[in-house]
PDB file of N, CA and C in Angstrom:
ATOM      1  N   MET A   1      49.166  24.308  62.103  1.00  0.00           N
ATOM      2  CA  MET A   1      48.788  25.430  61.469  1.00  0.00           C
ATOM      3  C   MET A   1      47.344  25.648  60.827  1.00  0.00           C
ATOM      4  N   LEU A   2      46.778  26.870  60.632  1.00  0.00           N
ATOM      5  CA  LEU A   2      46.280  26.866  59.279  1.00  0.00           C
ATOM      6  C   LEU A   2      46.157  27.987  58.495  1.00  0.00           C
ATOM      7  N   THR A   3      46.449  27.678  57.417  1.00  0.00           N
ATOM      8  CA  THR A   3      46.770  28.764  56.481  1.00  0.00           C
ATOM      9  C   THR A   3      45.904  28.951  55.208  1.00  0.00           C
ATOM     10  N   ASN A   4      46.109  30.011  54.765  1.00  0.00           N
ATOM     11  CA  ASN A   4      45.308  30.382  53.502  1.00  0.00           C
ATOM     12  C   ASN A   4      46.568  30.292  52.326  1.00  0.00           C
ATOM     13  N   VAL A   5      46.064  28.924  51.539  1.00  0.00           N
ATOM     14  CA  VAL A   5      47.417  28.956  50.739  1.00  0.00           C
ATOM     15  C   VAL A   5      47.623  29.867  49.298  1.00  0.00           C
ATOM     16  N   GLU A   6      46.375  30.410  48.951  1.00  0.00           N
ATOM     17  CA  GLU A   6      46.195  30.684  47.717  1.00  0.00           C
ATOM     18  C   GLU A   6      46.703  32.405  48.466  1.00  0.00           C
ATOM     19  N   LYS A   7      46.458  33.023  49.294  1.00  0.00           N
ATOM     20  CA  LYS A   7      47.289  34.382  49.376  1.00  0.00           C
ATOM     21  C   LYS A   7      48.527  34.152  50.320  1.00  0.00           C
ATOM     22  N   HIS A   8      49.072  32.938  50.707  1.00  0.00           N
ATOM     23  CA  HIS A   8      50.020  32.681  51.348  1.00  0.00           C
ATOM     24  C   HIS A   8      50.244  33.421  52.811  1.00  0.00           C
ATOM     25  N   THR A   9      49.242  33.078  53.433  1.00  0.00           N
ATOM     26  CA  THR A   9      49.370  33.844  54.689  1.00  0.00           C
ATOM     27  C   THR A   9      48.637  32.691  55.927  1.00  0.00           C
ATOM     28  N   ILE A  10      48.980  33.195  57.240  1.00  0.00           N
ATOM     29  CA  ILE A  10      48.490  32.126  58.136  1.00  0.00           C
ATOM     30  C   ILE A  10      47.375  32.642  58.930  1.00  0.00           C
ATOM     31  N   TYR A  11      46.099  31.700  58.790  1.00  0.00           N
ATOM     32  CA  TYR A  11      45.249  32.048  59.825  1.00  0.00           C
ATOM     33  C   TYR A  11      45.329  32.119  61.224  1.00  0.00           C
ATOM     34  N   ASP A  12      46.212  30.928  61.602  1.00  0.00           N
ATOM     35  CA  ASP A  12      46.223  30.518  62.939  1.00  0.00           C
ATOM     36  C   ASP A  12      47.274  29.553  63.327  1.00  0.00           C
ATOM     37  N   ILE A  13      47.927  29.545  64.249  1.00  0.00           N
ATOM     38  CA  ILE A  13      48.486  28.634  65.075  1.00  0.00           C
ATOM     39  C   ILE A  13      48.258  28.117  66.448  1.00  0.00           C
ATOM     40  N   GLN A  14      47.481  26.457  66.421  1.00  0.00           N
ATOM     41  CA  GLN A  14      47.358  26.167  67.378  1.00  0.00           C
ATOM     42  C   GLN A  14      48.122  25.150  68.014  1.00  0.00           C
ATOM     43  N   GLN A  15      48.062  24.964  69.670  1.00  0.00           N
ATOM     44  CA  GLN A  15      49.029  24.226  70.160  1.00  0.00           C
ATOM     45  C   GLN A  15      48.462  22.715  69.676  1.00  0.00           C
ATOM     46  N   ASN A  16      46.819  22.809  70.311  1.00  0.00           N
ATOM     47  CA  ASN A  16      46.158  22.074  70.370  1.00  0.00           C
ATOM     48  C   ASN A  16      45.030  21.613  69.023  1.00  0.00           C
ATOM     49  N   LEU A  17      45.237  20.523  68.260  1.00  0.00           N
ATOM     50  CA  LEU A  17      44.946  20.762  67.224  1.00  0.00           C
ATOM     51  C   LEU A  17      43.938  19.221  67.038  1.00  0.00           C
ATOM     52  N   ASN A  18      43.269  18.884  67.947  1.00  0.00           N
ATOM     53  CA  ASN A  18      42.366  17.775  68.124  1.00  0.00           C
ATOM     54  C   ASN A  18      41.229  18.141  67.313  1.00  0.00           C
ATOM     55  N   LYS A  19      40.135  17.229  67.075  1.00  0.00           N
ATOM     56  CA  LYS A  19      39.310  17.686  66.242  1.00  0.00           C
ATOM     57  C   LYS A  19      38.270  18.740  67.027  1.00  0.00           C
ATOM     58  N   GLU A  20      37.953  18.854  68.049  1.00  0.00           N
ATOM     59  CA  GLU A  20      37.338  19.942  68.417  1.00  0.00           C
ATOM     60  C   GLU A  20      37.683  21.128  68.329  1.00  0.00           C
ATOM     61  N   THR A  21      39.090  21.579  68.745  1.00  0.00           N
ATOM     62  CA  THR A  21      39.520  22.619  67.999  1.00  0.00           C
ATOM     63  C   THR A  21      39.610  23.128  66.588  1.00  0.00           C
ATOM     64  N   VAL A  22      39.760  22.305  65.721  1.00  0.00           N
ATOM     65  CA  VAL A  22      39.900  21.965  64.195  1.00  0.00           C
ATOM     66  C   VAL A  22      38.248  22.578  63.695  1.00  0.00           C
ATOM     67  N   VAL A  23      37.402  22.186  64.301  1.00  0.00           N
ATOM     68  CA  VAL A  23      35.882  22.259  63.817  1.00  0.00           C
ATOM     69  C   VAL A  23      35.951  23.902  64.308  1.00  0.00           C
ATOM     70  N   GLN A  24      35.961  24.232  65.374  1.00  0.00           N
ATOM     71  CA  GLN A  24      35.786  25.579  66.127  1.00  0.00           C
ATOM     72  C   GLN A  24      36.671  26.376  65.094  1.00  0.00           C
ATOM     73  N   ARG A  25      37.787  26.304  65.019  1.00  0.00           N
ATOM     74  CA  ARG A  25      38.541  27.470  63.914  1.00  0.00           C
ATOM     75  C   ARG A  25      38.009  27.219  62.791  1.00  0.00           C
ATOM     76  N   LEU A  26      37.863  26.038  62.059  1.00  0.00           N
ATOM     77  CA  LEU A  26      37.381  26.074  60.633  1.00  0.00           C
ATOM     78  C   LEU A  26      35.983  26.945  60.374  1.00  0.00           C
ATOM     79  N   SER A  27      35.140  26.719  61.247  1.00  0.00           N
ATOM     80  CA  SER A  27      33.726  27.446  61.762  1.00  0.00           C
ATOM     81  C   SER A  27      34.005  28.913  61.499  1.00  0.00           C
ATOM     82  N   GLU A  28      35.146  29.497  62.059  1.00  0.00           N
ATOM     83  CA  GLU A  28      35.322  30.894  62.198  1.00  0.00           C
ATOM     84  C   GLU A  28      35.895  31.455  60.679  1.00  0.00           C
ATOM     85  N   ILE A  29      36.473  30.394  59.748  1.00  0.00           N
ATOM     86  CA  ILE A  29      36.934  31.109  58.760  1.00  0.00           C
ATOM     87  C   ILE A  29      35.774  30.987  57.783  1.00  0.00           C
ATOM     88  N   SER A  30      35.851  32.135  56.804  1.00  0.00           N
ATOM     89  CA  SER A  30      34.663  32.433  56.302  1.00  0.00           C
ATOM     90  C   SER A  30      35.010  32.283  54.470  1.00  0.00           C
ATOM     91  N   ASP A  31      36.202  32.278  53.863  1.00  0.00           N
ATOM     92  CA  ASP A  31      36.832  32.639  52.535  1.00  0.00           C
ATOM     93  C   ASP A  31      37.069  31.254  52.151  1.00  0.00           C
ATOM     94  N   LYS A  32      36.662  29.912  52.402  1.00  0.00           N
ATOM     95  CA  LYS A  32      37.176  28.827  51.898  1.00  0.00           C
ATOM     96  C   LYS A  32      36.592  28.056  50.804  1.00  0.00           C
ATOM     97  N   TYR A  33      37.352  27.519  50.127  1.00  0.00           N
ATOM     98  CA  TYR A  33      36.580  26.924  48.927  1.00  0.00           C
ATOM     99  C   TYR A  33      36.891  25.358  48.765  1.00  0.00           C
ATOM    100  N   CYS A  34      37.834  25.255  49.267  1.00  0.00           N
ATOM    101  CA  CYS A  34      38.952  23.885  49.446  1.00  0.00           C
ATOM    102  C   CYS A  34      39.670  24.122  50.596  1.00  0.00           C
ATOM    103  N   ILE A  35      40.191  22.556  50.956  1.00  0.00           N
ATOM    104  CA  ILE A  35      40.662  22.184  52.176  1.00  0.00           C
ATOM    105  C   ILE A  35      42.130  21.537  51.841  1.00  0.00           C
ATOM    106  N   LYS A  36      43.000  21.922  51.846  1.00  0.00           N
ATOM    107  CA  LYS A  36      44.135  21.027  51.745  1.00  0.00           C
ATOM    108  C   LYS A  36      44.649  20.803  53.314  1.00  0.00           C
ATOM    109  N   MET A  37      44.939  19.465  53.167  1.00  0.00           N
ATOM    110  CA  MET A  37      45.562  19.180  54.662  1.00  0.00           C
ATOM    111  C   MET A  37      46.077  17.723  54.671  1.00  0.00           C
ATOM    112  N   GLU A  38      46.965  17.736  55.524  1.00  0.00           N
ATOM    113  CA  GLU A  38      47.467  16.093  56.127  1.00  0.00           C
ATOM    114  C   GLU A  38      46.044  15.158  56.229  1.00  0.00           C
ATOM    115  N   MET A  39      46.091  14.124  55.934  1.00  0.00           N
ATOM    116  CA  MET A  39      44.973  13.264  56.110  1.00  0.00           C
ATOM    117  C   MET A  39      44.865  12.248  56.998  1.00  0.00           C
ATOM    118  N   TRP A  40      44.836  12.903  58.253  1.00  0.00           N
ATOM    119  CA  TRP A  40      44.832  12.159  59.528  1.00  0.00           C
ATOM    120  C   TRP A  40      43.317  12.140  60.027  1.00  0.00           C
ATOM    121  N   GLN A  41      42.850  11.151  60.252  1.00  0.00           N
ATOM    122  CA  GLN A  41      41.405  10.970  60.067  1.00  0.00           C
ATOM    123  C   GLN A  41      40.815  11.868  61.292  1.00  0.00           C
ATOM    124  N   PRO A  42      41.175  12.813  62.237  1.00  0.00           N
ATOM    125  CA  PRO A  42      40.442  13.469  62.991  1.00  0.00           C
ATOM    126  C   PRO A  42      40.396  14.760  62.260  1.00  0.00           C
ATOM    127  N   TYR A  43      41.206  15.065  61.482  1.00  0.00           N
ATOM    128  CA  TYR A  43      41.206  16.360  60.367  1.00  0.00           C
ATOM    129  C   TYR A  43      40.285  16.223  59.516  1.00  0.00           C
ATOM    130  N   LYS A  44      40.234  14.826  58.832  1.00  0.00           N
ATOM    131  CA  LYS A  44      39.260  14.755  57.874  1.00  0.00           C
ATOM    132  C   LYS A  44      37.844  14.542  58.361  1.00  0.00           C
ATOM    133  N   ASP A  45      37.893  14.337  59.810  1.00  0.00           N
ATOM    134  CA  ASP A  45      36.203  14.467  60.298  1.00  0.00           C
ATOM    135  C   ASP A  45      35.866  15.588  60.864  1.00  0.00           C
ATOM    136  N   ALA A  46      36.763  16.407  61.256  1.00  0.00           N
ATOM    137  CA  ALA A  46      36.442  17.998  61.294  1.00  0.00           C
ATOM    138  C   ALA A  46      36.197  18.578  60.222  1.00  0.00           C
ATOM    139  N   VAL A  47      36.657  18.573  58.914  1.00  0.00           N
ATOM    140  CA  VAL A  47      36.069  19.146  58.052  1.00  0.00           C
ATOM    141  C   VAL A  47      34.943  18.513  57.225  1.00  0.00           C
ATOM    142  N   LYS A  48      34.807  17.488  57.576  1.00  0.00           N
ATOM    143  CA  LYS A  48      33.356  16.939  56.904  1.00  0.00           C
ATOM    144  C   LYS A  48      32.438  17.805  58.160  1.00  0.00           C
ATOM    145  N   THR A  49      32.448  17.274  59.541  1.00  0.00           N
ATOM    146  CA  THR A  49      31.530  18.046  60.218  1.00  0.00           C
ATOM    147  C   THR A  49      31.230  19.658  59.652  1.00  0.00           C
ATOM    148  N   VAL A  50      31.962  20.503  59.466  1.00  0.00           N
ATOM    149  CA  VAL A  50      32.165  21.905  59.429  1.00  0.00           C
ATOM    150  C   VAL A  50      31.707  22.277  57.837  1.00  0.00           C
ATOM    151  N   HIS A  51      32.128  21.624  56.908  1.00  0.00           N
ATOM    152  CA  HIS A  51      31.760  21.863  55.346  1.00  0.00           C
ATOM    153  C   HIS A  51      31.882  20.591  54.806  1.00  0.00           C
ATOM    154  N   ALA A  52      30.872  19.943  54.553  1.00  0.00           N
ATOM    155  CA  ALA A  52      30.862  18.591  54.046  1.00  0.00           C
ATOM    156  C   ALA A  52      31.027  18.442  52.600  1.00  0.00           C
ATOM    157  N   LYS A  53      30.535  20.023  52.232  1.00  0.00           N
ATOM    158  CA  LYS A  53      30.656  19.682  50.627  1.00  0.00           C
ATOM    159  C   LYS A  53      32.054  20.435  49.773  1.00  0.00           C
ATOM    160  N   LEU A  54      32.866  20.924  51.038  1.00  0.00           N
ATOM    161  CA  LEU A  54      34.400  21.027  50.312  1.00  0.00           C
ATOM    162  C   LEU A  54      35.167  20.064  49.928  1.00  0.00           C
ATOM    163  N   SER A  55      36.080  20.209  48.892  1.00  0.00           N
ATOM    164  CA  SER A  55      36.949  19.484  48.427  1.00  0.00           C
ATOM    165  C   SER A  55      37.895  19.395  49.421  1.00  0.00           C
ATOM    166  N   LEU A  56      38.593  18.050  49.579  1.00  0.00           N
ATOM    167  CA  LEU A  56      39.810  17.946  50.122  1.00  0.00           C
ATOM    168  C   LEU A  56      40.959  17.459  49.237  1.00  0.00           C
ATOM    169  N   ILE A  57      42.185  18.460  49.313  1.00  0.00           N
ATOM    170  CA  ILE A  57      42.927  17.987  48.594  1.00  0.00           C
ATOM    171  C   ILE A  57      43.804  17.403  49.722  1.00  0.00           C
ATOM    172  N   ARG A  58      44.712  16.400  49.175  1.00  0.00           N
ATOM    173  CA  ARG A  58      45.963  15.523  49.858  1.00  0.00           C
ATOM    174  C   ARG A  58      46.844  16.669  50.212  1.00  0.00           C
ATOM    175  N   PHE A  59      47.391  16.610  51.443  1.00  0.00           N
ATOM    176  CA  PHE A  59      49.016  17.408  51.782  1.00  0.00           C
ATOM    177  C   PHE A  59      49.835  16.206  51.855  1.00  0.00           C
ATOM    178  N   LYS A  60      50.972  16.232  51.256  1.00  0.00           N
ATOM    179  CA  LYS A  60      52.074  15.265  51.366  1.00  0.00           C
ATOM    180  C   LYS A  60      53.232  16.146  51.942  1.00  0.00           C
TER     181      LYS A  60
END
């Protein structure tokens, strides 16, 4: 699930959250300034691929 934490809204719910899907979806979201996420390596790689300069916040 991709959400906007600040606005408390859902961007999208995907059944497939492999790196390629996450990269594609992150590329389509324009209003991001940091990423709060589960620190699973494919997610981290996807964020670095799309937005290397964004801050990553660990989700527990």
